[in-house]
Protein backbone atom coordinates (compact mmCIF):
# COMPACT_ATOMS: atom_id res chain seq x y z
CA MET A 1 -14.80 -15.35 7.68
CA GLN A 2 -17.20 -13.01 9.47
CA GLY A 3 -20.05 -15.53 9.24
CA HIS A 4 -17.98 -18.24 10.90
CA LEU A 5 -17.03 -15.85 13.67
CA PHE A 6 -20.64 -14.94 14.44
CA LYS A 7 -21.77 -18.55 14.17
CA ALA A 8 -19.15 -19.66 16.71
CA ALA A 9 -20.17 -16.82 19.06
CA PHE A 10 -23.88 -17.63 18.71
CA LEU A 11 -23.30 -21.34 19.42
CA LYS A 12 -21.02 -20.43 22.35
CA ARG A 13 -18.03 -22.37 21.00
CA VAL A 14 -15.28 -20.42 22.71
CA PRO A 15 -12.21 -22.23 21.26
CA LEU A 16 -13.58 -21.97 17.72
CA PHE A 17 -14.54 -18.35 18.29
CA MET A 18 -11.06 -17.47 19.57
CA ARG A 19 -9.41 -19.25 16.63
CA ASN A 20 -11.66 -17.45 14.14
CA LEU A 21 -11.09 -14.13 15.87
CA THR A 22 -7.32 -14.64 15.78
CA GLU A 23 -7.43 -15.60 12.11
CA ASN A 24 -9.59 -12.58 11.33
CA LEU A 25 -7.20 -10.21 13.14
CA ALA A 26 -4.18 -11.78 11.42
CA LEU A 27 -5.78 -11.41 7.99
CA CYS A 28 -6.69 -7.78 8.72
CA LEU A 29 -3.14 -7.06 9.82
CA ALA A 30 -1.71 -8.73 6.71
CA ALA A 31 -4.09 -6.85 4.40
CA SER A 32 -3.27 -3.56 6.12
CA THR A 33 0.46 -4.20 5.80
CA ILE A 34 0.18 -5.09 2.13
CA GLU A 35 -1.92 -2.00 1.39
CA ALA A 36 0.46 0.34 3.25
CA THR A 37 3.50 -1.18 1.55
CA SER A 38 1.83 -0.89 -1.83
CA LYS A 39 0.93 2.77 -1.27
CA HIS A 40 4.46 3.54 -0.09
CA PHE A 41 6.00 1.79 -3.10
CA LEU A 42 3.71 3.60 -5.54
CA ALA A 43 4.44 6.98 -3.93
CA ARG A 44 8.19 6.41 -4.23
CA LEU A 45 7.83 5.23 -7.81
CA GLU A 46 5.76 8.32 -8.66
CA GLN A 47 8.33 10.59 -7.02
CA GLN A 48 11.23 8.99 -8.91
CA TRP A 49 9.35 9.16 -12.20
CA GLN A 50 8.50 12.84 -11.66
CA ARG A 51 12.12 13.66 -10.74
CA ARG A 52 13.50 11.93 -13.85
CA LEU A 53 10.95 13.60 -16.11
CA THR A 54 11.74 17.02 -14.65
CA GLU A 55 15.48 16.46 -15.09
CA ARG A 56 15.02 15.42 -18.73
CA ILE A 57 12.82 18.41 -19.49
CA HIS A 58 15.32 20.80 -17.87
CA VAL A 59 18.28 19.26 -19.67
CA ASN A 60 16.48 19.49 -23.00
CA TYR A 61 15.39 23.07 -22.35
CA PHE A 62 18.73 24.39 -21.10
CA ASP A 63 20.80 22.55 -23.73
CA ASN A 64 18.85 24.26 -26.49
CA MET A 65 19.09 27.72 -24.95
CA VAL A 66 21.13 30.33 -26.70
CA SER A 67 22.91 32.75 -24.46
CA TYR A 68 24.61 35.90 -25.59
CA PRO A 69 27.79 37.00 -23.84
């Protein structure tokens, strides 16, 4: 995509340059959105997994505790 953008600018084809620039910006925005959404989803998944693991470990530990009155 970058090569087409520079070629259009070098040949002074303004409509083609603007179209390529718009496409490039749209693709960058889409990639950025996908990456941010992916990072957010993975962070939430990690947090949920850690919470469930901690709860299971605590339940197992405290259920097997012996307390003396």
